[in-house]
Amino acid sequence: MITIGVNTDNWRHSDKPLEYCLSKIAEQGLDTCELNAVGGTEFFTGLGFAPFVDLNSDPLEVRKLLDKYNLQVSQFDVSYPINRWECISFIQRGIMFAGQLGAPYVVATDGATKIAGMSDKEQMDIIKYHLRQCLSFAENHNVGLNVEPHGPFTTDPEMITDIVESLDSPRVGINFDTGNSFIAGRDPVAFIKQVRNYVRHVHVKDVSKALADAARGKDTGISASHVHVGEGVNADNIVGCIKHLNETNWDGVFSIECEGEENTIKSIAWLREQIGSTG
């Protein structure tokens, strides 16, 4: 069964603190959210102008805040380019935090660009090595490690499958992203069918026509929908993904990623309708 969740990052440009985001998600009758990590004490977060979770903070205090609004965490976002060495510590710390928080997954991905002067094979080997350094943490803390299509390696279905399969662990899966796969020039429905066996969590993003015309096939990802989910040119693909996952008895969370509170509320309404009609 598909459950609807909302990423608190939707309020990043609204300068809202974490508790505000949680309260608004709960007001929509949802019980699931997705949180985003920052690696250290961060000025705007401290002032209440950013909805991020500081990895230096106490995860049990965050858990108390979630309990206040009867929310569960579907995934803890610890994204940092996984072809760069700094990702190892960030993901490891995020996994430990997620374990204390009660989040079933963390998610990571590659960056927007490749490292100059290195072959694709070299960078793929580095990605696999970096993730393998995090695998024992995932196993020890009972947390899944998801890889998201977002960069030049992970938006290739064969490459992301190779990354996941090389780690040979039930802890490792895929956080599929409807918007990133589309922007990268892929067919999201064909993509999700190809990686279906590894999909553990989904980011739902639509794409405006203007953005699609400007960026599709040139970029490999977007942070969020600039229109509400269902309003853009990727809506039919999202419906196709829902249909396929329902037909294959998939059980997991569709986490909405779009900019702003108004777009988030409209996205929830549209997604509820689509899940109900294709279920």
Protein backbone atom coordinates (compact mmCIF):
# COMPACT_ATOMS: atom_id res chain seq x y z
CA MET A 1 0.00 0.00 0.00
CA ILE A 2 1.23 3.48 -0.86
CA THR A 3 1.38 5.93 2.04
CA ILE A 4 1.70 9.69 1.48
CA GLY A 5 4.45 11.59 3.26
CA VAL A 6 5.89 15.09 3.00
CA ASN A 7 9.50 16.23 3.00
CA THR A 8 10.11 19.08 5.44
CA ASP A 9 12.57 20.52 2.92
CA ASN A 10 9.48 21.90 1.13
CA TRP A 11 9.65 24.83 3.59
CA ARG A 12 13.36 25.55 3.10
CA HIS A 13 12.78 28.72 1.09
CA SER A 14 9.95 29.77 3.40
CA ASP A 15 12.40 30.21 6.29
CA LYS A 16 10.35 28.01 8.63
CA PRO A 17 11.66 25.93 11.56
CA LEU A 18 11.20 22.19 11.81
CA GLU A 19 8.31 22.30 14.27
CA TYR A 20 6.28 24.57 12.01
CA CYS A 21 6.67 22.07 9.15
CA LEU A 22 5.67 19.14 11.33
CA SER A 23 2.56 20.96 12.54
CA LYS A 24 1.46 21.70 8.97
CA ILE A 25 2.01 18.10 7.86
CA ALA A 26 -0.09 16.86 10.78
CA GLU A 27 -2.82 19.38 9.93
CA GLN A 28 -3.23 17.65 6.57
CA GLY A 29 -4.13 14.41 8.32
CA LEU A 30 -0.81 12.73 7.49
CA ASP A 31 1.29 10.68 9.87
CA THR A 32 4.50 10.51 7.83
CA CYS A 33 7.28 12.99 7.15
CA GLU A 34 10.81 12.98 5.79
CA LEU A 35 13.64 14.87 7.51
CA ASN A 36 16.89 16.38 6.22
CA ALA A 37 20.26 16.41 7.96
CA VAL A 38 22.92 19.05 8.20
CA GLY A 39 26.34 17.98 9.37
CA GLY A 40 26.89 20.49 12.13
CA THR A 41 25.59 23.47 14.03
CA GLU A 42 24.13 25.78 11.39
CA PHE A 43 23.31 29.47 11.94
CA PHE A 44 19.96 29.69 10.16
CA THR A 45 18.73 26.44 11.68
CA GLY A 46 19.67 27.75 15.13
CA LEU A 47 17.69 30.93 14.49
CA GLY A 48 14.65 28.96 13.37
CA PHE A 49 14.88 29.86 9.68
CA ALA A 50 15.54 26.38 8.26
CA PRO A 51 13.75 23.04 8.72
CA PHE A 52 16.89 20.91 9.02
CA VAL A 53 18.04 18.45 11.66
CA ASP A 54 21.49 19.09 13.09
CA LEU A 55 23.46 15.87 13.49
CA ASN A 56 25.01 17.41 16.61
CA SER A 57 21.58 17.56 18.25
CA ASP A 58 19.89 14.88 20.35
CA PRO A 59 17.83 12.49 18.19
CA LEU A 60 15.59 11.65 21.13
CA GLU A 61 14.61 15.32 21.43
CA VAL A 62 13.68 15.27 17.75
CA ARG A 63 11.70 12.09 18.43
CA LYS A 64 9.78 13.87 21.21
CA LEU A 65 8.90 16.64 18.75
CA LEU A 66 7.65 14.11 16.23
CA ASP A 67 5.58 12.38 18.90
CA LYS A 68 3.98 15.73 19.74
CA TYR A 69 2.47 15.73 16.24
CA ASN A 70 1.99 11.93 15.98
CA LEU A 71 4.42 11.69 13.08
CA GLN A 72 6.73 8.93 11.94
CA VAL A 73 9.84 9.48 9.81
CA SER A 74 9.84 7.57 6.53
CA GLN A 75 13.42 8.48 5.65
CA PHE A 76 16.32 10.62 6.88
CA ASP A 77 18.03 12.48 4.04
CA VAL A 78 21.82 12.49 4.40
CA SER A 79 22.60 13.35 0.80
CA TYR A 80 26.15 14.38 0.04
CA PRO A 81 27.86 13.46 -3.26
CA ILE A 82 28.73 9.79 -2.80
CA ASN A 83 31.64 10.01 -5.23
CA ARG A 84 33.41 12.34 -2.75
CA TRP A 85 35.18 11.09 0.36
CA GLU A 86 33.41 13.49 2.77
CA CYS A 87 30.19 11.52 2.33
CA ILE A 88 31.42 8.60 4.46
CA SER A 89 31.34 10.31 7.85
CA PHE A 90 28.16 12.22 7.02
CA ILE A 91 26.25 9.07 6.06
CA GLN A 92 27.63 7.09 9.01
CA ARG A 93 26.55 9.78 11.48
CA GLY A 94 23.18 10.03 9.74
CA ILE A 95 22.62 6.30 10.06
CA MET A 96 23.32 6.38 13.80
CA PHE A 97 20.98 9.36 14.19
CA ALA A 98 18.27 7.62 12.15
CA GLY A 99 18.56 4.53 14.31
CA GLN A 100 17.90 6.56 17.44
CA LEU A 101 15.14 8.50 15.68
CA GLY A 102 13.35 5.36 14.53
CA ALA A 103 13.69 6.16 10.84
CA PRO A 104 13.78 3.00 8.70
CA TYR A 105 16.00 4.48 5.96
CA VAL A 106 18.61 7.07 5.13
CA VAL A 107 19.11 8.26 1.56
CA ALA A 108 22.21 9.41 -0.30
CA THR A 109 23.08 10.16 -3.92
CA ASP A 110 25.76 11.44 -6.25
CA GLY A 111 26.28 15.09 -7.08
CA ALA A 112 25.31 17.06 -10.15
CA THR A 113 28.75 16.72 -11.74
CA LYS A 114 31.43 14.12 -12.18
CA ILE A 115 34.94 14.56 -10.76
CA ALA A 116 37.21 15.97 -13.45
CA GLY A 117 40.08 13.79 -14.57
CA MET A 118 38.57 10.49 -13.43
CA SER A 119 36.95 7.83 -15.55
CA ASP A 120 33.38 6.68 -14.97
CA LYS A 121 34.66 3.30 -13.82
CA GLU A 122 36.98 4.89 -11.28
CA GLN A 123 34.16 6.99 -9.88
CA MET A 124 31.75 4.06 -9.80
CA ASP A 125 34.35 2.05 -7.86
CA ILE A 126 34.75 4.96 -5.43
CA ILE A 127 30.97 5.22 -4.95
CA LYS A 128 30.73 1.52 -4.13
CA TYR A 129 33.68 1.76 -1.74
CA HIS A 130 32.21 4.76 0.07
CA LEU A 131 28.83 3.11 0.52
CA ARG A 132 30.45 -0.11 1.69
CA GLN A 133 32.12 1.85 4.52
CA CYS A 134 28.61 2.75 5.69
CA LEU A 135 27.06 -0.68 5.35
CA SER A 136 28.11 -2.06 8.74
CA PHE A 137 26.60 1.05 10.37
CA ALA A 138 23.32 0.36 8.57
CA GLU A 139 23.36 -3.26 9.71
CA ASN A 140 24.30 -2.45 13.32
CA HIS A 141 21.67 0.27 13.68
CA ASN A 142 18.91 -1.56 11.76
CA VAL A 143 18.62 1.19 9.15
CA GLY A 144 18.29 0.78 5.39
CA LEU A 145 20.61 2.66 3.03
CA ASN A 146 18.84 3.96 -0.06
CA VAL A 147 20.50 5.35 -3.18
CA GLU A 148 18.58 8.03 -5.08
CA PRO A 149 18.71 8.82 -8.79
CA HIS A 150 19.90 12.42 -8.83
CA GLY A 151 23.26 12.68 -10.59
CA PRO A 152 25.11 11.49 -13.71
CA PHE A 153 25.64 7.95 -12.37
CA THR A 154 22.49 7.24 -10.41
CA THR A 155 20.04 8.48 -13.06
CA ASP A 156 21.25 5.65 -15.29
CA PRO A 157 19.11 2.57 -14.45
CA GLU A 158 21.95 0.16 -15.19
CA MET A 159 24.47 2.10 -13.10
CA ILE A 160 22.25 2.52 -10.04
CA THR A 161 21.35 -1.16 -10.24
CA ASP A 162 25.05 -2.01 -10.42
CA ILE A 163 25.73 0.11 -7.32
CA VAL A 164 22.99 -1.57 -5.30
CA GLU A 165 23.77 -5.10 -6.45
CA SER A 166 27.51 -4.70 -5.84
CA LEU A 167 26.85 -4.18 -2.12
CA ASP A 168 24.87 -7.44 -2.00
CA SER A 169 22.89 -6.55 1.13
CA PRO A 170 19.16 -6.44 1.90
CA ARG A 171 19.92 -3.18 3.71
CA VAL A 172 20.67 -1.41 0.41
CA GLY A 173 17.88 -0.25 -1.87
CA ILE A 174 16.68 2.62 -4.05
CA ASN A 175 14.80 5.79 -3.26
CA PHE A 176 13.18 6.36 -6.65
CA ASP A 177 12.59 9.96 -7.74
CA THR A 178 9.93 10.76 -10.34
CA GLY A 179 11.26 14.26 -11.05
CA ASN A 180 14.98 13.52 -11.26
CA SER A 181 14.47 10.56 -13.58
CA PHE A 182 12.32 12.76 -15.84
CA ILE A 183 14.71 15.73 -15.86
CA ALA A 184 17.59 13.37 -16.69
CA GLY A 185 15.75 12.48 -19.90
CA ARG A 186 14.50 9.10 -18.74
CA ASP A 187 11.01 7.66 -18.84
CA PRO A 188 10.11 7.46 -15.13
CA VAL A 189 7.66 4.58 -15.60
CA ALA A 190 10.15 2.49 -17.58
CA PHE A 191 12.86 3.39 -15.04
CA ILE A 192 10.83 2.36 -11.99
CA LYS A 193 9.85 -0.90 -13.68
CA GLN A 194 13.50 -1.67 -14.33
CA VAL A 195 14.53 -1.11 -10.70
CA ARG A 196 11.26 -2.14 -9.02
CA ASN A 197 12.79 -4.95 -6.95
CA TYR A 198 15.05 -2.46 -5.15
CA VAL A 199 12.62 0.45 -4.65
CA ARG A 200 12.07 1.07 -0.92
CA HIS A 201 10.89 4.70 -0.90
CA VAL A 202 9.81 7.28 -3.51
CA HIS A 203 10.28 11.02 -3.91
CA VAL A 204 7.37 12.53 -5.83
CA LYS A 205 8.17 15.56 -7.94
CA ASP A 206 6.37 17.08 -10.88
CA VAL A 207 8.06 19.35 -13.43
CA SER A 208 6.74 22.55 -14.96
CA LYS A 209 6.68 22.78 -18.74
CA ALA A 210 9.10 25.71 -18.70
CA LEU A 211 11.62 23.79 -16.60
CA ALA A 212 11.23 20.66 -18.71
CA ASP A 213 11.85 22.66 -21.90
CA ALA A 214 14.93 24.29 -20.39
CA ALA A 215 16.55 21.45 -18.48
CA ARG A 216 15.32 18.01 -19.54
CA GLY A 217 18.18 15.89 -20.81
CA LYS A 218 20.69 18.54 -19.72
CA ASP A 219 20.44 18.31 -15.92
CA THR A 220 20.15 15.21 -13.78
CA GLY A 221 17.96 16.40 -10.93
CA ILE A 222 15.94 19.11 -9.25
CA SER A 223 15.54 19.77 -5.53
CA ALA A 224 11.75 20.07 -5.66
CA SER A 225 8.73 20.72 -7.87
CA HIS A 226 8.16 24.40 -8.59
CA VAL A 227 4.53 23.53 -9.33
CA HIS A 228 2.30 21.32 -7.25
CA VAL A 229 2.40 17.62 -8.00
CA GLY A 230 -0.18 16.98 -10.72
CA GLU A 231 0.14 20.43 -12.29
CA GLY A 232 3.19 19.77 -14.45
CA VAL A 233 4.19 17.73 -17.47
CA ASN A 234 5.34 14.81 -15.34
CA ALA A 235 1.90 14.10 -13.85
CA ASP A 236 1.02 11.23 -16.19
CA ASN A 237 4.33 9.55 -15.40
CA ILE A 238 3.63 9.80 -11.67
CA VAL A 239 0.24 8.15 -12.24
CA GLY A 240 2.00 5.42 -14.24
CA CYS A 241 4.45 4.81 -11.40
CA ILE A 242 1.60 4.60 -8.89
CA LYS A 243 -0.26 2.14 -11.11
CA HIS A 244 2.77 -0.10 -11.55
CA LEU A 245 3.60 -0.17 -7.85
CA ASN A 246 -0.01 -0.90 -6.92
CA GLU A 247 -0.16 -3.69 -9.47
CA THR A 248 3.00 -5.24 -8.01
CA ASN A 249 1.79 -4.93 -4.39
CA TRP A 250 4.46 -2.43 -3.39
CA ASP A 251 4.33 -1.16 0.18
CA GLY A 252 6.03 2.14 0.98
CA VAL A 253 5.95 5.92 1.18
CA PHE A 254 5.54 8.52 -1.55
CA SER A 255 7.28 11.56 -0.06
CA ILE A 256 6.17 14.81 -1.70
CA GLU A 257 8.92 17.25 -2.66
CA CYS A 258 7.64 20.61 -3.86
CA GLU A 259 8.35 24.21 -2.99
CA GLY A 260 6.14 25.94 -0.49
CA GLU A 261 3.17 25.22 1.72
CA GLU A 262 0.47 25.96 -0.86
CA ASN A 263 2.03 23.62 -3.41
CA THR A 264 2.43 20.96 -0.73
CA ILE A 265 -1.24 21.06 0.27
CA LYS A 266 -2.40 20.90 -3.36
CA SER A 267 0.03 18.04 -4.00
CA ILE A 268 -1.38 16.02 -1.10
CA ALA A 269 -4.92 16.41 -2.43
CA TRP A 270 -3.94 15.40 -5.96
CA LEU A 271 -1.85 12.44 -4.83
CA ARG A 272 -4.63 11.15 -2.58
CA GLU A 273 -6.98 11.16 -5.54
CA GLN A 274 -4.53 9.34 -7.81
CA ILE A 275 -3.63 6.68 -5.26
CA GLY A 276 -7.30 6.04 -4.63
CA SER A 277 -8.22 5.83 -8.31
CA THR A 278 -5.40 3.49 -9.29
CA GLY A 279 -5.47 1.30 -6.18
